[in-house]
Amino acid sequence: MELRERFMMTAGILLLITIGTRILLVFVDDTGVFIFYDLAFPELQAENIGEFFAALGVGLAAGFFLLIATFLFIGVACFIYFILGILTALVRDSRGVIIASGIFTGISIFLGIRGLVRSLDLGYFSIYITFHLGVYALVFVLLVYSFITLDR
């Protein structure tokens, strides 16, 4: 097995590992997940008891919909990275697979940098964002090397 094939297999395995860490970190670093996906609770104020109960209802509904949106985003990302991880690890001679994996990994790098800047601006260090940013940067480098060295 040549170096490019090992890099492709490593990139595919790393993409598959990120699926498990996305699911795990929802329970470990929920604040980082909300920052990464740019989700926030509305800021509500109440001046009397009626407004308090209305704000409570809106807050509970917003929390429920944020939870659903978070699981939807994570589910879609897990599905995409499952397909890309399997294809990257198994189909090592396809420019299309390398390009598709590179595009989605590049998007994740952009979102990771944006999320890291936002989290540090809020004074919060997120293990979730930092770990995934590092993994996606490594995968992107491996994919670029594999694309360049692919036989033409």
N, C-alpha and C. Protein backbone atom coordinates (compact mmCIF):
# COMPACT_ATOMS: atom_id res chain seq x y z
N MET A 1 0.86 -1.17 0.00
CA MET A 1 0.00 0.00 0.00
C MET A 1 0.90 1.23 0.00
N GLU A 2 0.67 2.12 -0.94
CA GLU A 2 1.50 3.31 -1.00
C GLU A 2 1.02 4.37 -0.02
N LEU A 3 1.85 5.41 0.13
CA LEU A 3 1.60 6.44 1.14
C LEU A 3 0.26 7.14 0.89
N ARG A 4 -0.07 7.42 -0.36
CA ARG A 4 -1.33 8.11 -0.66
C ARG A 4 -2.53 7.27 -0.22
N GLU A 5 -2.47 5.98 -0.43
CA GLU A 5 -3.57 5.10 -0.02
C GLU A 5 -3.68 5.05 1.50
N ARG A 6 -2.57 5.06 2.19
CA ARG A 6 -2.60 5.09 3.66
C ARG A 6 -3.20 6.40 4.16
N PHE A 7 -2.84 7.49 3.50
CA PHE A 7 -3.39 8.79 3.88
C PHE A 7 -4.90 8.82 3.66
N MET A 8 -5.36 8.26 2.53
CA MET A 8 -6.79 8.23 2.26
C MET A 8 -7.53 7.39 3.30
N MET A 9 -6.95 6.24 3.65
CA MET A 9 -7.58 5.39 4.66
C MET A 9 -7.61 6.11 6.01
N THR A 10 -6.52 6.78 6.35
CA THR A 10 -6.47 7.53 7.61
C THR A 10 -7.51 8.65 7.61
N ALA A 11 -7.62 9.37 6.49
CA ALA A 11 -8.62 10.45 6.40
C ALA A 11 -10.03 9.89 6.56
N GLY A 12 -10.32 8.76 5.92
CA GLY A 12 -11.64 8.15 6.05
C GLY A 12 -11.94 7.72 7.47
N ILE A 13 -10.95 7.12 8.13
CA ILE A 13 -11.14 6.69 9.52
C ILE A 13 -11.35 7.89 10.43
N LEU A 14 -10.59 8.97 10.20
CA LEU A 14 -10.78 10.18 11.03
C LEU A 14 -12.17 10.78 10.82
N LEU A 15 -12.66 10.75 9.59
CA LEU A 15 -14.03 11.24 9.35
C LEU A 15 -15.06 10.39 10.08
N LEU A 16 -14.83 9.09 10.12
CA LEU A 16 -15.75 8.21 10.85
C LEU A 16 -15.65 8.43 12.36
N ILE A 17 -14.46 8.74 12.86
CA ILE A 17 -14.29 9.01 14.29
C ILE A 17 -15.06 10.27 14.70
N THR A 18 -15.08 11.27 13.80
CA THR A 18 -15.79 12.50 14.15
C THR A 18 -17.29 12.28 14.34
N ILE A 19 -17.82 11.23 13.75
CA ILE A 19 -19.25 10.93 13.94
C ILE A 19 -19.50 10.61 15.42
N GLY A 20 -18.69 9.72 15.96
CA GLY A 20 -18.85 9.35 17.37
C GLY A 20 -18.61 10.50 18.31
N THR A 21 -17.60 11.32 17.99
CA THR A 21 -17.31 12.45 18.89
C THR A 21 -18.39 13.52 18.80
N ARG A 22 -19.01 13.69 17.65
CA ARG A 22 -20.13 14.65 17.56
C ARG A 22 -21.27 14.23 18.49
N ILE A 23 -21.60 12.96 18.45
CA ILE A 23 -22.70 12.47 19.28
C ILE A 23 -22.31 12.53 20.76
N LEU A 24 -21.09 12.12 21.09
CA LEU A 24 -20.63 12.11 22.48
C LEU A 24 -20.56 13.52 23.05
N LEU A 25 -20.06 14.46 22.28
CA LEU A 25 -19.84 15.80 22.81
C LEU A 25 -21.13 16.61 22.95
N VAL A 26 -22.22 16.14 22.39
CA VAL A 26 -23.50 16.80 22.66
C VAL A 26 -23.80 16.73 24.15
N PHE A 27 -23.40 15.63 24.77
CA PHE A 27 -23.66 15.44 26.18
C PHE A 27 -22.54 15.98 27.06
N VAL A 28 -21.34 16.15 26.50
CA VAL A 28 -20.19 16.61 27.29
C VAL A 28 -20.00 18.12 27.17
N ASP A 29 -20.12 18.65 25.96
CA ASP A 29 -19.84 20.07 25.71
C ASP A 29 -21.01 20.70 24.96
N ASP A 30 -22.17 20.73 25.60
CA ASP A 30 -23.35 21.24 24.93
C ASP A 30 -23.23 22.72 24.57
N THR A 31 -22.53 23.50 25.38
CA THR A 31 -22.34 24.91 25.07
C THR A 31 -21.54 25.07 23.79
N GLY A 32 -20.49 24.28 23.63
CA GLY A 32 -19.69 24.33 22.41
C GLY A 32 -20.49 23.95 21.19
N VAL A 33 -21.39 22.99 21.34
CA VAL A 33 -22.23 22.57 20.22
C VAL A 33 -23.16 23.72 19.81
N PHE A 34 -23.76 24.40 20.78
CA PHE A 34 -24.65 25.52 20.47
C PHE A 34 -23.88 26.67 19.82
N ILE A 35 -22.64 26.92 20.29
CA ILE A 35 -21.83 27.97 19.69
C ILE A 35 -21.45 27.59 18.26
N PHE A 36 -21.05 26.34 18.05
CA PHE A 36 -20.62 25.88 16.72
C PHE A 36 -21.73 26.02 15.70
N TYR A 37 -22.94 25.61 16.06
CA TYR A 37 -24.06 25.69 15.12
C TYR A 37 -24.78 27.03 15.17
N ASP A 38 -24.24 27.99 15.92
CA ASP A 38 -24.77 29.35 15.99
C ASP A 38 -26.22 29.38 16.46
N LEU A 39 -26.50 28.60 17.50
CA LEU A 39 -27.84 28.56 18.08
C LEU A 39 -27.82 29.31 19.40
N ALA A 40 -28.87 30.04 19.70
CA ALA A 40 -28.93 30.79 20.95
C ALA A 40 -30.37 30.90 21.40
N PHE A 41 -30.53 30.98 22.71
CA PHE A 41 -31.85 31.20 23.28
C PHE A 41 -32.20 32.68 23.15
N PRO A 42 -33.48 33.00 22.97
CA PRO A 42 -33.86 34.41 22.92
C PRO A 42 -33.78 35.02 24.32
N GLU A 43 -33.44 36.29 24.34
CA GLU A 43 -33.40 37.00 25.62
C GLU A 43 -34.77 37.64 25.85
N LEU A 44 -35.43 37.18 26.89
CA LEU A 44 -36.78 37.65 27.18
C LEU A 44 -36.81 38.34 28.53
N GLN A 45 -37.64 39.39 28.62
CA GLN A 45 -37.79 40.11 29.88
C GLN A 45 -39.27 40.19 30.22
N ALA A 46 -39.53 40.21 31.51
CA ALA A 46 -40.92 40.28 31.96
C ALA A 46 -41.05 41.36 33.02
N GLU A 47 -42.10 42.15 32.91
CA GLU A 47 -42.34 43.21 33.89
C GLU A 47 -43.52 42.89 34.80
N ASN A 48 -44.34 41.90 34.45
CA ASN A 48 -45.44 41.50 35.31
C ASN A 48 -45.62 39.99 35.20
N ILE A 49 -46.54 39.45 35.96
CA ILE A 49 -46.70 38.00 36.04
C ILE A 49 -47.18 37.41 34.71
N GLY A 50 -48.01 38.12 33.99
CA GLY A 50 -48.49 37.63 32.69
C GLY A 50 -47.35 37.53 31.69
N GLU A 51 -46.51 38.57 31.65
CA GLU A 51 -45.35 38.53 30.76
C GLU A 51 -44.37 37.44 31.18
N PHE A 52 -44.28 37.20 32.50
CA PHE A 52 -43.39 36.15 32.99
C PHE A 52 -43.80 34.79 32.45
N PHE A 53 -45.10 34.46 32.54
CA PHE A 53 -45.57 33.18 32.04
C PHE A 53 -45.47 33.08 30.52
N ALA A 54 -45.70 34.20 29.83
CA ALA A 54 -45.55 34.20 28.38
C ALA A 54 -44.09 33.97 28.00
N ALA A 55 -43.18 34.65 28.70
CA ALA A 55 -41.75 34.47 28.43
C ALA A 55 -41.31 33.06 28.78
N LEU A 56 -41.87 32.50 29.85
CA LEU A 56 -41.54 31.12 30.23
C LEU A 56 -41.97 30.15 29.13
N GLY A 57 -43.15 30.35 28.60
CA GLY A 57 -43.63 29.48 27.51
C GLY A 57 -42.79 29.62 26.25
N VAL A 58 -42.46 30.85 25.90
CA VAL A 58 -41.63 31.08 24.72
C VAL A 58 -40.24 30.49 24.94
N GLY A 59 -39.70 30.64 26.14
CA GLY A 59 -38.37 30.08 26.44
C GLY A 59 -38.36 28.57 26.37
N LEU A 60 -39.39 27.93 26.90
CA LEU A 60 -39.47 26.47 26.82
C LEU A 60 -39.63 25.99 25.37
N ALA A 61 -40.46 26.69 24.61
CA ALA A 61 -40.63 26.33 23.21
C ALA A 61 -39.33 26.53 22.43
N ALA A 62 -38.65 27.64 22.70
CA ALA A 62 -37.38 27.90 22.02
C ALA A 62 -36.34 26.84 22.38
N GLY A 63 -36.30 26.45 23.64
CA GLY A 63 -35.37 25.40 24.06
C GLY A 63 -35.65 24.08 23.37
N PHE A 64 -36.93 23.75 23.24
CA PHE A 64 -37.31 22.52 22.56
C PHE A 64 -36.90 22.55 21.09
N PHE A 65 -37.19 23.66 20.42
CA PHE A 65 -36.85 23.76 19.00
C PHE A 65 -35.33 23.83 18.79
N LEU A 66 -34.60 24.44 19.71
CA LEU A 66 -33.14 24.44 19.61
C LEU A 66 -32.58 23.03 19.77
N LEU A 67 -33.17 22.27 20.66
CA LEU A 67 -32.75 20.89 20.85
C LEU A 67 -33.00 20.07 19.58
N ILE A 68 -34.17 20.23 19.00
CA ILE A 68 -34.50 19.53 17.76
C ILE A 68 -33.56 19.97 16.63
N ALA A 69 -33.32 21.28 16.51
CA ALA A 69 -32.42 21.78 15.46
C ALA A 69 -31.01 21.26 15.64
N THR A 70 -30.54 21.21 16.88
CA THR A 70 -29.20 20.70 17.15
C THR A 70 -29.08 19.24 16.74
N PHE A 71 -30.04 18.42 17.13
CA PHE A 71 -30.00 17.01 16.74
C PHE A 71 -30.15 16.83 15.23
N LEU A 72 -30.91 17.69 14.59
CA LEU A 72 -31.04 17.63 13.15
C LEU A 72 -29.72 17.96 12.46
N PHE A 73 -29.06 19.04 12.90
CA PHE A 73 -27.77 19.42 12.32
C PHE A 73 -26.73 18.32 12.54
N ILE A 74 -26.69 17.79 13.73
CA ILE A 74 -25.72 16.74 14.04
C ILE A 74 -26.04 15.47 13.25
N GLY A 75 -27.31 15.14 13.12
CA GLY A 75 -27.69 13.97 12.35
C GLY A 75 -27.31 14.08 10.89
N VAL A 76 -27.55 15.24 10.30
CA VAL A 76 -27.18 15.46 8.90
C VAL A 76 -25.66 15.39 8.74
N ALA A 77 -24.92 16.03 9.65
CA ALA A 77 -23.46 15.99 9.58
C ALA A 77 -22.94 14.57 9.75
N CYS A 78 -23.51 13.82 10.67
CA CYS A 78 -23.09 12.43 10.88
C CYS A 78 -23.36 11.59 9.64
N PHE A 79 -24.50 11.78 9.01
CA PHE A 79 -24.83 11.04 7.79
C PHE A 79 -23.84 11.36 6.67
N ILE A 80 -23.57 12.65 6.47
CA ILE A 80 -22.65 13.06 5.41
C ILE A 80 -21.25 12.51 5.68
N TYR A 81 -20.78 12.64 6.91
CA TYR A 81 -19.42 12.18 7.21
C TYR A 81 -19.33 10.66 7.28
N PHE A 82 -20.42 9.97 7.53
CA PHE A 82 -20.41 8.51 7.45
C PHE A 82 -20.19 8.07 6.01
N ILE A 83 -20.97 8.65 5.10
CA ILE A 83 -20.82 8.31 3.67
C ILE A 83 -19.43 8.70 3.18
N LEU A 84 -18.99 9.92 3.48
CA LEU A 84 -17.68 10.36 3.01
C LEU A 84 -16.55 9.56 3.65
N GLY A 85 -16.69 9.21 4.92
CA GLY A 85 -15.65 8.42 5.59
C GLY A 85 -15.50 7.04 4.98
N ILE A 86 -16.63 6.39 4.72
CA ILE A 86 -16.59 5.06 4.10
C ILE A 86 -15.99 5.15 2.69
N LEU A 87 -16.47 6.11 1.90
CA LEU A 87 -15.97 6.25 0.54
C LEU A 87 -14.49 6.62 0.51
N THR A 88 -14.07 7.51 1.40
CA THR A 88 -12.67 7.93 1.43
C THR A 88 -11.77 6.78 1.83
N ALA A 89 -12.20 5.97 2.78
CA ALA A 89 -11.38 4.85 3.24
C ALA A 89 -11.33 3.71 2.22
N LEU A 90 -12.41 3.49 1.50
CA LEU A 90 -12.48 2.34 0.60
C LEU A 90 -12.14 2.66 -0.86
N VAL A 91 -12.61 3.79 -1.36
CA VAL A 91 -12.38 4.15 -2.76
C VAL A 91 -11.25 5.16 -2.79
N ARG A 92 -10.04 4.68 -2.93
CA ARG A 92 -8.87 5.53 -2.79
C ARG A 92 -8.36 6.12 -4.09
N ASP A 93 -8.98 5.79 -5.21
CA ASP A 93 -8.49 6.25 -6.50
C ASP A 93 -9.49 7.13 -7.24
N SER A 94 -10.37 7.78 -6.54
CA SER A 94 -11.40 8.58 -7.17
C SER A 94 -11.21 10.06 -6.84
N ARG A 95 -11.06 10.85 -7.87
CA ARG A 95 -10.94 12.31 -7.66
C ARG A 95 -12.24 12.87 -7.09
N GLY A 96 -13.37 12.33 -7.52
CA GLY A 96 -14.66 12.82 -7.03
C GLY A 96 -14.82 12.66 -5.53
N VAL A 97 -14.39 11.51 -5.01
CA VAL A 97 -14.48 11.28 -3.57
C VAL A 97 -13.56 12.24 -2.83
N ILE A 98 -12.35 12.43 -3.35
CA ILE A 98 -11.40 13.34 -2.71
C ILE A 98 -11.95 14.76 -2.72
N ILE A 99 -12.50 15.19 -3.85
CA ILE A 99 -13.04 16.55 -3.95
C ILE A 99 -14.24 16.72 -3.03
N ALA A 100 -15.17 15.76 -3.02
CA ALA A 100 -16.36 15.87 -2.15
C ALA A 100 -15.94 15.91 -0.68
N SER A 101 -15.03 15.03 -0.29
CA SER A 101 -14.56 15.03 1.10
C SER A 101 -13.85 16.34 1.42
N GLY A 102 -13.08 16.83 0.47
CA GLY A 102 -12.36 18.10 0.68
C GLY A 102 -13.30 19.29 0.83
N ILE A 103 -14.37 19.30 0.03
CA ILE A 103 -15.34 20.41 0.12
C ILE A 103 -16.03 20.41 1.49
N PHE A 104 -16.55 19.26 1.90
CA PHE A 104 -17.24 19.21 3.19
C PHE A 104 -16.29 19.43 4.36
N THR A 105 -15.06 18.95 4.22
CA THR A 105 -14.07 19.18 5.27
C THR A 105 -13.69 20.65 5.32
N GLY A 106 -13.57 21.29 4.17
CA GLY A 106 -13.29 22.72 4.12
C GLY A 106 -14.40 23.55 4.76
N ILE A 107 -15.64 23.16 4.50
CA ILE A 107 -16.78 23.84 5.13
C ILE A 107 -16.70 23.69 6.65
N SER A 108 -16.36 22.48 7.11
CA SER A 108 -16.25 22.25 8.55
C SER A 108 -15.10 23.02 9.16
N ILE A 109 -14.01 23.19 8.42
CA ILE A 109 -12.90 24.01 8.91
C ILE A 109 -13.35 25.46 9.06
N PHE A 110 -14.06 25.97 8.05
CA PHE A 110 -14.57 27.34 8.13
C PHE A 110 -15.51 27.52 9.33
N LEU A 111 -16.44 26.58 9.50
CA LEU A 111 -17.36 26.66 10.64
C LEU A 111 -16.63 26.51 11.95
N GLY A 112 -15.58 25.67 11.97
CA GLY A 112 -14.80 25.49 13.19
C GLY A 112 -14.04 26.74 13.58
N ILE A 113 -13.43 27.40 12.60
CA ILE A 113 -12.71 28.64 12.89
C ILE A 113 -13.69 29.71 13.38
N ARG A 114 -14.82 29.80 12.70
CA ARG A 114 -15.85 30.79 13.12
C ARG A 114 -16.36 30.48 14.52
N GLY A 115 -16.60 29.20 14.80
CA GLY A 115 -17.06 28.81 16.13
C GLY A 115 -16.01 29.03 17.20
N LEU A 116 -14.74 28.76 16.88
CA LEU A 116 -13.67 28.97 17.86
C LEU A 116 -13.51 30.44 18.18
N VAL A 117 -13.58 31.30 17.17
CA VAL A 117 -13.49 32.74 17.40
C VAL A 117 -14.67 33.21 18.25
N ARG A 118 -15.87 32.73 17.93
CA ARG A 118 -17.06 33.12 18.71
C ARG A 118 -16.97 32.63 20.14
N SER A 119 -16.51 31.38 20.34
CA SER A 119 -16.44 30.84 21.70
C SER A 119 -15.39 31.58 22.53
N LEU A 120 -14.25 31.89 21.92
CA LEU A 120 -13.22 32.63 22.66
C LEU A 120 -13.67 34.06 22.93
N ASP A 121 -14.46 34.63 22.01
CA ASP A 121 -15.01 35.96 22.23
C ASP A 121 -15.98 35.96 23.42
N LEU A 122 -16.69 34.87 23.59
CA LEU A 122 -17.61 34.74 24.72
C LEU A 122 -16.91 34.29 25.99
N GLY A 123 -15.60 34.05 25.91
CA GLY A 123 -14.84 33.63 27.09
C GLY A 123 -15.01 32.16 27.43
N TYR A 124 -15.29 31.35 26.42
CA TYR A 124 -15.52 29.93 26.64
C TYR A 124 -14.60 29.13 25.73
N PHE A 125 -13.84 28.20 26.30
CA PHE A 125 -12.99 27.31 25.52
C PHE A 125 -13.75 26.01 25.29
N SER A 126 -13.95 25.69 24.02
CA SER A 126 -14.74 24.52 23.66
C SER A 126 -13.84 23.38 23.19
N ILE A 127 -13.90 22.28 23.89
CA ILE A 127 -13.17 21.08 23.48
C ILE A 127 -13.74 20.58 22.16
N TYR A 128 -15.03 20.64 22.01
CA TYR A 128 -15.72 20.18 20.80
C TYR A 128 -15.17 20.87 19.56
N ILE A 129 -15.17 22.17 19.59
CA ILE A 129 -14.76 22.95 18.43
C ILE A 129 -13.27 22.76 18.15
N THR A 130 -12.46 22.81 19.17
CA THR A 130 -11.02 22.68 19.00
C THR A 130 -10.64 21.30 18.45
N PHE A 131 -11.22 20.25 19.01
CA PHE A 131 -10.91 18.89 18.54
C PHE A 131 -11.31 18.71 17.08
N HIS A 132 -12.53 19.10 16.74
CA HIS A 132 -12.98 18.91 15.37
C HIS A 132 -12.22 19.80 14.38
N LEU A 133 -11.85 20.98 14.79
CA LEU A 133 -11.06 21.84 13.92
C LEU A 133 -9.71 21.20 13.62
N GLY A 134 -9.07 20.63 14.63
CA GLY A 134 -7.79 19.95 14.43
C GLY A 134 -7.92 18.73 13.54
N VAL A 135 -8.95 17.92 13.78
CA VAL A 135 -9.15 16.71 12.97
C VAL A 135 -9.45 17.09 11.52
N TYR A 136 -10.31 18.07 11.30
CA TYR A 136 -10.65 18.44 9.94
C TYR A 136 -9.46 19.08 9.21
N ALA A 137 -8.64 19.82 9.92
CA ALA A 137 -7.43 20.38 9.29
C ALA A 137 -6.50 19.25 8.86
N LEU A 138 -6.32 18.25 9.71
CA LEU A 138 -5.48 17.10 9.36
C LEU A 138 -6.06 16.34 8.18
N VAL A 139 -7.36 16.10 8.19
CA VAL A 139 -8.00 15.39 7.08
C VAL A 139 -7.85 16.18 5.78
N PHE A 140 -7.99 17.49 5.86
CA PHE A 140 -7.87 18.32 4.66
C PHE A 140 -6.47 18.23 4.08
N VAL A 141 -5.45 18.27 4.93
CA VAL A 141 -4.06 18.13 4.47
C VAL A 141 -3.85 16.77 3.81
N LEU A 142 -4.38 15.71 4.43
CA LEU A 142 -4.25 14.37 3.86
C LEU A 142 -4.95 14.28 2.51
N LEU A 143 -6.11 14.91 2.39
CA LEU A 143 -6.85 14.88 1.12
C LEU A 143 -6.14 15.67 0.03
N VAL A 144 -5.56 16.81 0.39
CA VAL A 144 -4.84 17.61 -0.60
C VAL A 144 -3.62 16.83 -1.10
N TYR A 145 -2.89 16.21 -0.18
CA TYR A 145 -1.74 15.40 -0.59
C TYR A 145 -2.20 14.25 -1.51
N SER A 146 -3.28 13.59 -1.15
CA SER A 146 -3.78 12.48 -1.95
C SER A 146 -4.23 12.94 -3.32
N PHE A 147 -4.83 14.11 -3.40
CA PHE A 147 -5.29 14.64 -4.68
C PHE A 147 -4.10 14.98 -5.58
N ILE A 148 -3.08 15.58 -4.99
CA ILE A 148 -1.90 15.98 -5.77
C ILE A 148 -1.15 14.76 -6.29
N THR A 149 -1.03 13.73 -5.45
CA THR A 149 -0.25 12.55 -5.84
C THR A 149 -1.05 11.49 -6.59
N LEU A 150 -2.33 11.74 -6.82
CA LEU A 150 -3.15 10.77 -7.55
C LEU A 150 -2.65 10.67 -8.98
N ASP A 151 -2.51 9.44 -9.47
CA ASP A 151 -2.02 9.22 -10.84
C ASP A 151 -2.98 9.85 -11.82
N ARG A 152 -2.43 10.52 -12.78
CA ARG A 152 -3.28 11.22 -13.74
C ARG A 152 -3.50 10.43 -14.96
